Amino acid sequence: MDQIIQNGESSEDGDEQTFSGDSTNVKKFFTELWKILSHLNKGPIRLVKIFFKLPWKILSKLPGFQILSQLLPQVKEDMKDENESSNLNNDANKPPLVEEITIPSVTDLAKSQVRFSSSNGDISTISFDAKTVTLYLPTISLDMNTEVVLRNLVAYEASNASGPLVFTRYTELMNGIIDTEEDVKLLREKGIILNRLKSDAEAANLWNGMSKSLRLTKVPVIDKVIEDVNKYYNGRWNVKLGKYMKIYVFGSWQFLTLLATLLLLLLMTLQSVCSVYNCSRQFNLTT
């Protein structure tokens, strides 16, 4: 009997920890949402601001809120199962891949206020200045023979170099930041790419078609630049919010259904509160 009681108590503790973790995720979501709303001042937004200023303790005592909060553990578990199943299916269908640099594209970096400039030097001059938020890259000329030359240099370096594959790492960096013709256009306008091919799309296909390194390698200079760029990019509030929304909101229809139900309940509660305390008069809102 004592063993059963102890097991029951440990199970309850586990449930409390799980619920606490889910509540933390929900609070994170509304915290990020509040940061966006705090910059807005229009009439309809003020109503939402009023609600978000209400104490969480009061909201947690509402019957509907308690019911929805109890559904969170199951929703999160469903989301986890779906993601694991999807990842297993994708991994089963895809062939093994060698190392690929994880870095945002030129377009994404430009949207995050990153500037690009020619370093007027060789590969060793690649750098990222965090103060001016500028990525320095050497100038490269592209023509009809460039792809053959690049592939031969990568193959030669892989077969003969005993140290880091510096040139190969450079081609992987360019492959990582160039995804579309818009990326090539931005680099061309900054004097980093001298494009003598027929179009920017052809230049983008050239970089995207380059083979990855034949063996894993690390080049301190280039790897430090990649690390600094990712650190700046991932530190932007809009990037953080976008990743959070993608994982916890748009990644599961169950969560979207829950969110819609929750928002409906919150608006109904706000309407009831305002009907009693006359929010329009207190906050100078016009209807």
C-alpha atoms as a PDB file:
ATOM      1  CA  MET A   1       0.000   0.000   0.000  1.00  0.00           C
ATOM      2  CA  ASP A   2       2.841   2.421   0.905  1.00  0.00           C
ATOM      3  CA  GLN A   3       4.482   1.686  -2.437  1.00  0.00           C
ATOM      4  CA  ILE A   4       1.260   2.500  -4.304  1.00  0.00           C
ATOM      5  CA  ILE A   5       0.901   5.802  -2.423  1.00  0.00           C
ATOM      6  CA  GLN A   6       4.509   6.737  -3.189  1.00  0.00           C
ATOM      7  CA  ASN A   7       4.014   5.934  -6.869  1.00  0.00           C
ATOM      8  CA  GLY A   8       0.857   8.037  -6.909  1.00  0.00           C
ATOM      9  CA  GLU A   9       2.667  10.975  -5.310  1.00  0.00           C
ATOM     10  CA  SER A  10       5.567  10.753  -7.778  1.00  0.00           C
ATOM     11  CA  SER A  11       3.082  10.635 -10.677  1.00  0.00           C
ATOM     12  CA  GLU A  12       1.349  13.753  -9.382  1.00  0.00           C
ATOM     13  CA  ASP A  13       4.712  15.527  -9.101  1.00  0.00           C
ATOM     14  CA  GLY A  14       5.509  14.580 -12.690  1.00  0.00           C
ATOM     15  CA  ASP A  15       2.154  15.898 -13.882  1.00  0.00           C
ATOM     16  CA  GLU A  16       2.724  19.172 -12.038  1.00  0.00           C
ATOM     17  CA  GLN A  17       6.134  19.581 -13.675  1.00  0.00           C
ATOM     18  CA  THR A  18       4.681  18.867 -17.133  1.00  0.00           C
ATOM     19  CA  PHE A  19       1.859  21.350 -16.595  1.00  0.00           C
ATOM     20  CA  SER A  20       4.365  23.925 -15.348  1.00  0.00           C
ATOM     21  CA  GLY A  21       6.420  23.480 -18.513  1.00  0.00           C
ATOM     22  CA  ASP A  22       3.360  23.899 -20.736  1.00  0.00           C
ATOM     23  CA  SER A  23       2.279  27.015 -18.841  1.00  0.00           C
ATOM     24  CA  THR A  24       5.751  28.468 -19.390  1.00  0.00           C
ATOM     25  CA  ASN A  25       5.438  27.967 -23.161  1.00  0.00           C
ATOM     26  CA  VAL A  26       2.046  29.677 -23.237  1.00  0.00           C
ATOM     27  CA  LYS A  27       3.334  32.602 -21.173  1.00  0.00           C
ATOM     28  CA  LYS A  28       6.314  32.922 -23.529  1.00  0.00           C
ATOM     29  CA  PHE A  29       3.959  33.176 -26.489  1.00  0.00           C
ATOM     30  CA  PHE A  30       1.819  35.902 -24.921  1.00  0.00           C
ATOM     31  CA  THR A  31       4.933  37.760 -23.740  1.00  0.00           C
ATOM     32  CA  GLU A  32       6.243  37.965 -27.304  1.00  0.00           C
ATOM     33  CA  LEU A  33       2.779  38.958 -28.535  1.00  0.00           C
ATOM     34  CA  TRP A  34       2.609  41.735 -25.941  1.00  0.00           C
ATOM     35  CA  LYS A  35       5.964  43.144 -27.128  1.00  0.00           C
ATOM     36  CA  ILE A  36       4.452  43.639 -30.577  1.00  0.00           C
ATOM     37  CA  LEU A  37       1.184  45.088 -29.278  1.00  0.00           C
ATOM     38  CA  SER A  38       3.054  47.523 -27.047  1.00  0.00           C
ATOM     39  CA  HIS A  39       4.233  49.410 -30.143  1.00  0.00           C
ATOM     40  CA  LEU A  40       0.673  49.897 -31.412  1.00  0.00           C
ATOM     41  CA  ASN A  41      -1.777  52.519 -30.184  1.00  0.00           C
ATOM     42  CA  LYS A  42      -4.895  52.256 -32.325  1.00  0.00           C
ATOM     43  CA  GLY A  43      -8.367  51.887 -30.836  1.00  0.00           C
ATOM     44  CA  PRO A  44      -9.017  48.146 -31.386  1.00  0.00           C
ATOM     45  CA  ILE A  45      -5.516  47.331 -30.176  1.00  0.00           C
ATOM     46  CA  ARG A  46      -6.116  49.242 -26.944  1.00  0.00           C
ATOM     47  CA  LEU A  47      -8.897  46.826 -26.027  1.00  0.00           C
ATOM     48  CA  VAL A  48      -6.483  43.947 -26.373  1.00  0.00           C
ATOM     49  CA  LYS A  49      -3.891  45.827 -24.311  1.00  0.00           C
ATOM     50  CA  ILE A  50      -6.445  46.330 -21.544  1.00  0.00           C
ATOM     51  CA  PHE A  51      -7.020  42.610 -21.360  1.00  0.00           C
ATOM     52  CA  PHE A  52      -3.348  41.744 -21.302  1.00  0.00           C
ATOM     53  CA  LYS A  53      -2.884  44.082 -18.341  1.00  0.00           C
ATOM     54  CA  LEU A  54      -5.271  41.979 -16.259  1.00  0.00           C
ATOM     55  CA  PRO A  55      -3.457  39.873 -13.637  1.00  0.00           C
ATOM     56  CA  TRP A  56      -2.753  36.269 -14.661  1.00  0.00           C
ATOM     57  CA  LYS A  57      -4.003  35.053 -11.294  1.00  0.00           C
ATOM     58  CA  ILE A  58      -7.483  36.415 -12.055  1.00  0.00           C
ATOM     59  CA  LEU A  59      -7.495  34.840 -15.527  1.00  0.00           C
ATOM     60  CA  SER A  60      -6.330  31.483 -14.200  1.00  0.00           C
ATOM     61  CA  LYS A  61      -9.372  31.315 -11.907  1.00  0.00           C
ATOM     62  CA  LEU A  62     -11.822  31.605 -14.791  1.00  0.00           C
ATOM     63  CA  PRO A  63     -13.622  28.254 -15.404  1.00  0.00           C
ATOM     64  CA  GLY A  64     -13.047  28.276 -19.142  1.00  0.00           C
ATOM     65  CA  PHE A  65      -9.372  29.153 -18.760  1.00  0.00           C
ATOM     66  CA  GLN A  66      -8.847  26.260 -16.357  1.00  0.00           C
ATOM     67  CA  ILE A  67     -10.439  23.795 -18.774  1.00  0.00           C
ATOM     68  CA  LEU A  68      -8.288  24.999 -21.666  1.00  0.00           C
ATOM     69  CA  SER A  69      -5.125  24.913 -19.576  1.00  0.00           C
ATOM     70  CA  GLN A  70      -5.784  21.263 -18.772  1.00  0.00           C
ATOM     71  CA  LEU A  71      -5.860  20.487 -22.492  1.00  0.00           C
ATOM     72  CA  LEU A  72      -2.365  21.887 -23.090  1.00  0.00           C
ATOM     73  CA  PRO A  73      -0.404  18.763 -22.026  1.00  0.00           C
ATOM     74  CA  GLN A  74      -2.341  16.568 -24.465  1.00  0.00           C
ATOM     75  CA  VAL A  75      -2.009  19.109 -27.292  1.00  0.00           C
ATOM     76  CA  LYS A  76       1.727  19.392 -26.749  1.00  0.00           C
ATOM     77  CA  GLU A  77       2.104  15.608 -26.693  1.00  0.00           C
ATOM     78  CA  ASP A  78       0.181  15.334 -29.983  1.00  0.00           C
ATOM     79  CA  MET A  79       2.405  18.001 -31.513  1.00  0.00           C
ATOM     80  CA  LYS A  80       5.519  16.117 -30.382  1.00  0.00           C
ATOM     81  CA  ASP A  81       4.254  12.816 -31.806  1.00  0.00           C
ATOM     82  CA  GLU A  82       3.393  14.433 -35.145  1.00  0.00           C
ATOM     83  CA  ASN A  83       6.796  16.127 -35.422  1.00  0.00           C
ATOM     84  CA  GLU A  84       8.669  12.921 -34.563  1.00  0.00           C
ATOM     85  CA  SER A  85       6.637  10.943 -37.095  1.00  0.00           C
ATOM     86  CA  SER A  86       7.227  13.580 -39.774  1.00  0.00           C
ATOM     87  CA  ASN A  87      10.965  13.672 -39.088  1.00  0.00           C
ATOM     88  CA  LEU A  88      11.216   9.888 -39.291  1.00  0.00           C
ATOM     89  CA  ASN A  89       9.392   9.839 -42.636  1.00  0.00           C
ATOM     90  CA  ASN A  90      11.554  12.636 -44.048  1.00  0.00           C
ATOM     91  CA  ASP A  91      14.773  10.990 -42.881  1.00  0.00           C
ATOM     92  CA  ALA A  92      13.696   7.690 -44.401  1.00  0.00           C
ATOM     93  CA  ASN A  93      13.019   9.273 -47.815  1.00  0.00           C
ATOM     94  CA  LYS A  94      16.128  11.491 -47.994  1.00  0.00           C
ATOM     95  CA  PRO A  95      19.578  10.190 -48.871  1.00  0.00           C
ATOM     96  CA  PRO A  96      22.423  10.840 -46.414  1.00  0.00           C
ATOM     97  CA  LEU A  97      23.798  14.366 -46.698  1.00  0.00           C
ATOM     98  CA  VAL A  98      27.302  15.658 -45.958  1.00  0.00           C
ATOM     99  CA  GLU A  99      27.883  18.769 -43.894  1.00  0.00           C
ATOM    100  CA  GLU A 100      26.090  21.930 -45.001  1.00  0.00           C
ATOM    101  CA  ILE A 101      26.644  25.391 -43.586  1.00  0.00           C
ATOM    102  CA  THR A 102      23.701  26.726 -41.606  1.00  0.00           C
ATOM    103  CA  ILE A 103      23.486  30.434 -42.342  1.00  0.00           C
ATOM    104  CA  PRO A 104      20.661  32.736 -43.532  1.00  0.00           C
ATOM    105  CA  SER A 105      20.499  33.781 -47.162  1.00  0.00           C
ATOM    106  CA  VAL A 106      21.637  37.183 -48.393  1.00  0.00           C
ATOM    107  CA  THR A 107      18.014  38.312 -48.681  1.00  0.00           C
ATOM    108  CA  ASP A 108      17.184  37.282 -45.114  1.00  0.00           C
ATOM    109  CA  LEU A 109      20.327  38.956 -43.777  1.00  0.00           C
ATOM    110  CA  ALA A 110      19.551  42.149 -45.689  1.00  0.00           C
ATOM    111  CA  LYS A 111      16.069  42.220 -44.143  1.00  0.00           C
ATOM    112  CA  SER A 112      17.774  42.038 -40.737  1.00  0.00           C
ATOM    113  CA  GLN A 113      19.815  45.172 -41.539  1.00  0.00           C
ATOM    114  CA  VAL A 114      23.029  43.309 -42.425  1.00  0.00           C
ATOM    115  CA  ARG A 115      25.110  45.176 -44.988  1.00  0.00           C
ATOM    116  CA  PHE A 116      27.467  43.637 -47.538  1.00  0.00           C
ATOM    117  CA  SER A 117      30.768  45.031 -48.744  1.00  0.00           C
ATOM    118  CA  SER A 118      33.680  43.883 -50.882  1.00  0.00           C
ATOM    119  CA  SER A 119      36.803  43.129 -48.836  1.00  0.00           C
ATOM    120  CA  ASN A 120      39.154  43.850 -51.767  1.00  0.00           C
ATOM    121  CA  GLY A 121      41.266  40.826 -50.885  1.00  0.00           C
ATOM    122  CA  ASP A 122      41.396  37.048 -50.847  1.00  0.00           C
ATOM    123  CA  ILE A 123      39.461  34.463 -48.818  1.00  0.00           C
ATOM    124  CA  SER A 124      41.396  35.339 -45.660  1.00  0.00           C
ATOM    125  CA  THR A 125      39.754  38.790 -45.648  1.00  0.00           C
ATOM    126  CA  ILE A 126      36.258  37.377 -45.051  1.00  0.00           C
ATOM    127  CA  SER A 127      34.934  38.969 -41.849  1.00  0.00           C
ATOM    128  CA  PHE A 128      31.850  40.261 -40.055  1.00  0.00           C
ATOM    129  CA  ASP A 129      31.892  43.607 -38.248  1.00  0.00           C
ATOM    130  CA  ALA A 130      29.272  43.452 -35.488  1.00  0.00           C
ATOM    131  CA  LYS A 131      29.500  47.207 -34.793  1.00  0.00           C
ATOM    132  CA  THR A 132      28.618  48.273 -38.325  1.00  0.00           C
ATOM    133  CA  VAL A 133      26.706  45.018 -39.020  1.00  0.00           C
ATOM    134  CA  THR A 134      28.668  44.513 -42.233  1.00  0.00           C
ATOM    135  CA  LEU A 135      29.687  41.235 -43.853  1.00  0.00           C
ATOM    136  CA  TYR A 136      32.882  41.545 -45.912  1.00  0.00           C
ATOM    137  CA  LEU A 137      33.358  39.105 -48.795  1.00  0.00           C
ATOM    138  CA  PRO A 138      36.035  38.967 -51.531  1.00  0.00           C
ATOM    139  CA  THR A 139      35.072  39.896 -55.064  1.00  0.00           C
ATOM    140  CA  ILE A 140      34.616  37.006 -57.491  1.00  0.00           C
ATOM    141  CA  SER A 141      34.046  37.099 -61.237  1.00  0.00           C
ATOM    142  CA  LEU A 142      31.632  34.598 -62.769  1.00  0.00           C
ATOM    143  CA  ASP A 143      31.693  33.575 -66.432  1.00  0.00           C
ATOM    144  CA  MET A 144      30.943  30.491 -68.508  1.00  0.00           C
ATOM    145  CA  ASN A 145      34.139  28.730 -67.332  1.00  0.00           C
ATOM    146  CA  THR A 146      33.810  29.508 -63.622  1.00  0.00           C
ATOM    147  CA  GLU A 147      31.864  26.408 -62.606  1.00  0.00           C
ATOM    148  CA  VAL A 148      34.432  24.045 -64.145  1.00  0.00           C
ATOM    149  CA  VAL A 149      37.303  25.931 -62.509  1.00  0.00           C
ATOM    150  CA  LEU A 150      35.612  25.942 -59.099  1.00  0.00           C
ATOM    151  CA  ARG A 151      34.852  22.220 -59.215  1.00  0.00           C
ATOM    152  CA  ASN A 152      38.415  21.372 -60.241  1.00  0.00           C
ATOM    153  CA  LEU A 153      39.868  23.510 -57.447  1.00  0.00           C
ATOM    154  CA  VAL A 154      37.575  21.887 -54.866  1.00  0.00           C
ATOM    155  CA  ALA A 155      38.534  18.399 -56.067  1.00  0.00           C
ATOM    156  CA  TYR A 156      42.245  19.251 -56.148  1.00  0.00           C
ATOM    157  CA  GLU A 157      42.187  20.719 -52.629  1.00  0.00           C
ATOM    158  CA  ALA A 158      40.313  17.712 -51.258  1.00  0.00           C
ATOM    159  CA  SER A 159      42.819  15.256 -52.722  1.00  0.00           C
ATOM    160  CA  ASN A 160      46.020  17.109 -51.847  1.00  0.00           C
ATOM    161  CA  ALA A 161      45.481  19.354 -48.833  1.00  0.00           C
ATOM    162  CA  SER A 162      46.429  17.886 -45.468  1.00  0.00           C
ATOM    163  CA  GLY A 163      45.002  20.825 -43.531  1.00  0.00           C
ATOM    164  CA  PRO A 164      41.658  22.670 -43.579  1.00  0.00           C
ATOM    165  CA  LEU A 165      39.887  22.913 -46.936  1.00  0.00           C
ATOM    166  CA  VAL A 166      39.826  26.708 -47.058  1.00  0.00           C
ATOM    167  CA  PHE A 167      38.640  27.165 -50.645  1.00  0.00           C
ATOM    168  CA  THR A 168      36.038  24.425 -50.274  1.00  0.00           C
ATOM    169  CA  ARG A 169      34.736  26.086 -47.120  1.00  0.00           C
ATOM    170  CA  TYR A 170      34.445  29.363 -49.034  1.00  0.00           C
ATOM    171  CA  THR A 171      32.344  27.715 -51.755  1.00  0.00           C
ATOM    172  CA  GLU A 172      30.139  26.194 -49.037  1.00  0.00           C
ATOM    173  CA  LEU A 173      29.689  29.642 -47.483  1.00  0.00           C
ATOM    174  CA  MET A 174      28.637  31.125 -50.814  1.00  0.00           C
ATOM    175  CA  ASN A 175      26.346  28.144 -51.374  1.00  0.00           C
ATOM    176  CA  GLY A 176      24.772  28.799 -47.965  1.00  0.00           C
ATOM    177  CA  ILE A 177      24.049  32.512 -48.422  1.00  0.00           C
ATOM    178  CA  ILE A 178      22.943  32.271 -52.070  1.00  0.00           C
ATOM    179  CA  ASP A 179      19.595  30.580 -52.670  1.00  0.00           C
ATOM    180  CA  THR A 180      17.872  32.658 -55.355  1.00  0.00           C
ATOM    181  CA  GLU A 181      18.668  35.167 -58.075  1.00  0.00           C
ATOM    182  CA  GLU A 182      17.664  37.939 -55.654  1.00  0.00           C
ATOM    183  CA  ASP A 183      20.618  36.968 -53.458  1.00  0.00           C
ATOM    184  CA  VAL A 184      22.966  37.217 -56.448  1.00  0.00           C
ATOM    185  CA  LYS A 185      21.470  40.577 -57.396  1.00  0.00           C
ATOM    186  CA  LEU A 186      22.161  42.039 -53.953  1.00  0.00           C
ATOM    187  CA  LEU A 187      25.780  40.839 -53.990  1.00  0.00           C
ATOM    188  CA  ARG A 188      26.239  42.072 -57.563  1.00  0.00           C
ATOM    189  CA  GLU A 189      24.994  45.530 -56.622  1.00  0.00           C
ATOM    190  CA  LYS A 190      27.542  45.620 -53.782  1.00  0.00           C
ATOM    191  CA  GLY A 191      30.409  44.687 -56.113  1.00  0.00           C
ATOM    192  CA  ILE A 192      31.008  41.276 -54.521  1.00  0.00           C
ATOM    193  CA  ILE A 193      29.913  39.291 -57.588  1.00  0.00           C
ATOM    194  CA  LEU A 194      30.923  40.360 -61.090  1.00  0.00           C
ATOM    195  CA  ASN A 195      28.366  38.453 -63.107  1.00  0.00           C
ATOM    196  CA  ARG A 196      29.267  37.841 -66.754  1.00  0.00           C
ATOM    197  CA  LEU A 197      26.738  35.045 -67.135  1.00  0.00           C
ATOM    198  CA  LYS A 198      23.418  35.479 -68.923  1.00  0.00           C
ATOM    199  CA  SER A 199      21.399  36.184 -65.771  1.00  0.00           C
ATOM    200  CA  ASP A 200      21.463  36.288 -61.984  1.00  0.00           C
ATOM    201  CA  ALA A 201      19.395  33.094 -61.944  1.00  0.00           C
ATOM    202  CA  GLU A 202      22.178  31.284 -63.809  1.00  0.00           C
ATOM    203  CA  ALA A 203      24.705  32.517 -61.247  1.00  0.00           C
ATOM    204  CA  ALA A 204      22.480  31.312 -58.397  1.00  0.00           C
ATOM    205  CA  ASN A 205      22.220  27.878 -60.015  1.00  0.00           C
ATOM    206  CA  LEU A 206      26.003  27.768 -60.301  1.00  0.00           C
ATOM    207  CA  TRP A 207      26.503  28.190 -56.558  1.00  0.00           C
ATOM    208  CA  ASN A 208      23.600  25.945 -55.621  1.00  0.00           C
ATOM    209  CA  GLY A 209      24.962  23.202 -57.854  1.00  0.00           C
ATOM    210  CA  MET A 210      28.417  23.178 -56.292  1.00  0.00           C
ATOM    211  CA  SER A 211      29.322  19.911 -54.558  1.00  0.00           C
ATOM    212  CA  LYS A 212      29.807  19.934 -50.814  1.00  0.00           C
ATOM    213  CA  SER A 213      33.179  19.044 -49.290  1.00  0.00           C
ATOM    214  CA  LEU A 214      34.206  15.427 -49.636  1.00  0.00           C
ATOM    215  CA  ARG A 215      35.208  15.299 -45.978  1.00  0.00           C
ATOM    216  CA  LEU A 216      34.225  17.364 -42.970  1.00  0.00           C
ATOM    217  CA  THR A 217      36.509  20.305 -42.316  1.00  0.00           C
ATOM    218  CA  LYS A 218      36.662  23.460 -40.243  1.00  0.00           C
ATOM    219  CA  VAL A 219      38.340  26.735 -41.111  1.00  0.00           C
ATOM    220  CA  PRO A 220      38.638  28.997 -38.027  1.00  0.00           C
ATOM    221  CA  VAL A 221      38.394  32.295 -39.931  1.00  0.00           C
ATOM    222  CA  ILE A 222      35.289  31.389 -41.917  1.00  0.00           C
ATOM    223  CA  ASP A 223      33.663  29.450 -39.075  1.00  0.00           C
ATOM    224  CA  LYS A 224      34.052  32.475 -36.776  1.00  0.00           C
ATOM    225  CA  VAL A 225      32.320  34.664 -39.370  1.00  0.00           C
ATOM    226  CA  ILE A 226      29.446  32.178 -39.680  1.00  0.00           C
ATOM    227  CA  GLU A 227      29.101  32.024 -35.900  1.00  0.00           C
ATOM    228  CA  ASP A 228      29.028  35.829 -35.555  1.00  0.00           C
ATOM    229  CA  VAL A 229      26.486  36.247 -38.365  1.00  0.00           C
ATOM    230  CA  ASN A 230      24.182  33.603 -36.890  1.00  0.00           C
ATOM    231  CA  LYS A 231      24.531  35.128 -33.423  1.00  0.00           C
ATOM    232  CA  TYR A 232      23.444  38.538 -34.710  1.00  0.00           C
ATOM    233  CA  TYR A 233      20.645  37.164 -36.896  1.00  0.00           C
ATOM    234  CA  ASN A 234      19.195  34.842 -34.242  1.00  0.00           C
ATOM    235  CA  GLY A 235      19.311  37.661 -31.700  1.00  0.00           C
ATOM    236  CA  ARG A 236      16.846  39.791 -33.667  1.00  0.00           C
ATOM    237  CA  TRP A 237      13.421  39.946 -31.970  1.00  0.00           C
ATOM    238  CA  ASN A 238      11.513  39.370 -35.230  1.00  0.00           C
ATOM    239  CA  VAL A 239      13.551  36.236 -35.961  1.00  0.00           C
ATOM    240  CA  LYS A 240      12.956  34.890 -32.454  1.00  0.00           C
ATOM    241  CA  LEU A 241       9.225  35.543 -32.721  1.00  0.00           C
ATOM    242  CA  GLY A 242       9.073  33.996 -36.193  1.00  0.00           C
ATOM    243  CA  LYS A 243      10.784  30.804 -35.015  1.00  0.00           C
ATOM    244  CA  TYR A 244       8.557  30.598 -31.952  1.00  0.00           C
ATOM    245  CA  MET A 245       5.407  31.065 -34.047  1.00  0.00           C
ATOM    246  CA  LYS A 246       6.567  28.444 -36.548  1.00  0.00           C
ATOM    247  CA  ILE A 247       7.267  25.858 -33.847  1.00  0.00           C
ATOM    248  CA  TYR A 248       4.414  26.395 -31.410  1.00  0.00           C
ATOM    249  CA  VAL A 249       1.652  27.930 -33.564  1.00  0.00           C
ATOM    250  CA  PHE A 250       1.835  27.182 -37.283  1.00  0.00           C
ATOM    251  CA  GLY A 251       3.410  23.777 -36.692  1.00  0.00           C
ATOM    252  CA  SER A 252       0.194  22.201 -35.390  1.00  0.00           C
ATOM    253  CA  TRP A 253      -3.467  22.596 -36.297  1.00  0.00           C
ATOM    254  CA  GLN A 254      -4.385  21.435 -32.789  1.00  0.00           C
ATOM    255  CA  PHE A 255      -2.638  24.429 -31.298  1.00  0.00           C
ATOM    256  CA  LEU A 256      -4.295  26.767 -33.812  1.00  0.00           C
ATOM    257  CA  THR A 257      -7.687  25.393 -32.795  1.00  0.00           C
ATOM    258  CA  LEU A 258      -6.821  25.827 -29.139  1.00  0.00           C
ATOM    259  CA  LEU A 259      -5.558  29.361 -29.744  1.00  0.00           C
ATOM    260  CA  ALA A 260      -8.725  30.362 -31.608  1.00  0.00           C
ATOM    261  CA  THR A 261     -10.880  28.986 -28.791  1.00  0.00           C
ATOM    262  CA  LEU A 262      -8.750  30.735 -26.201  1.00  0.00           C
ATOM    263  CA  LEU A 263      -8.901  34.096 -27.989  1.00  0.00           C
ATOM    264  CA  LEU A 264     -12.676  33.803 -28.328  1.00  0.00           C
ATOM    265  CA  LEU A 265     -12.963  33.136 -24.609  1.00  0.00           C
ATOM    266  CA  LEU A 266     -10.671  36.051 -23.779  1.00  0.00           C
ATOM    267  CA  LEU A 267     -12.649  38.463 -25.929  1.00  0.00           C
ATOM    268  CA  MET A 268     -15.912  37.316 -24.352  1.00  0.00           C
ATOM    269  CA  THR A 269     -14.382  37.838 -20.908  1.00  0.00           C
ATOM    270  CA  LEU A 270     -13.138  41.282 -21.925  1.00  0.00           C
ATOM    271  CA  GLN A 271     -16.602  42.200 -23.165  1.00  0.00           C
ATOM    272  CA  SER A 272     -18.125  41.115 -19.857  1.00  0.00           C
ATOM    273  CA  VAL A 273     -15.558  43.081 -17.834  1.00  0.00           C
ATOM    274  CA  CYS A 274     -16.044  46.210 -19.918  1.00  0.00           C
ATOM    275  CA  SER A 275     -19.828  45.979 -19.620  1.00  0.00           C
ATOM    276  CA  VAL A 276     -19.437  46.153 -15.829  1.00  0.00           C
ATOM    277  CA  TYR A 277     -16.570  48.634 -15.444  1.00  0.00           C
ATOM    278  CA  ASN A 278     -17.267  50.799 -18.509  1.00  0.00           C
ATOM    279  CA  CYS A 279     -13.842  50.484 -20.160  1.00  0.00           C
ATOM    280  CA  SER A 280     -14.651  53.064 -22.832  1.00  0.00           C
ATOM    281  CA  ARG A 281     -14.961  55.848 -20.269  1.00  0.00           C
ATOM    282  CA  GLN A 282     -11.965  54.815 -18.171  1.00  0.00           C
ATOM    283  CA  PHE A 283      -9.565  54.482 -21.107  1.00  0.00           C
ATOM    284  CA  ASN A 284     -11.017  57.259 -23.307  1.00  0.00           C
ATOM    285  CA  LEU A 285     -11.991  54.848 -26.071  1.00  0.00           C
ATOM    286  CA  THR A 286     -14.456  55.849 -28.757  1.00  0.00           C
ATOM    287  CA  THR A 287     -16.883  53.328 -30.210  1.00  0.00           C
END
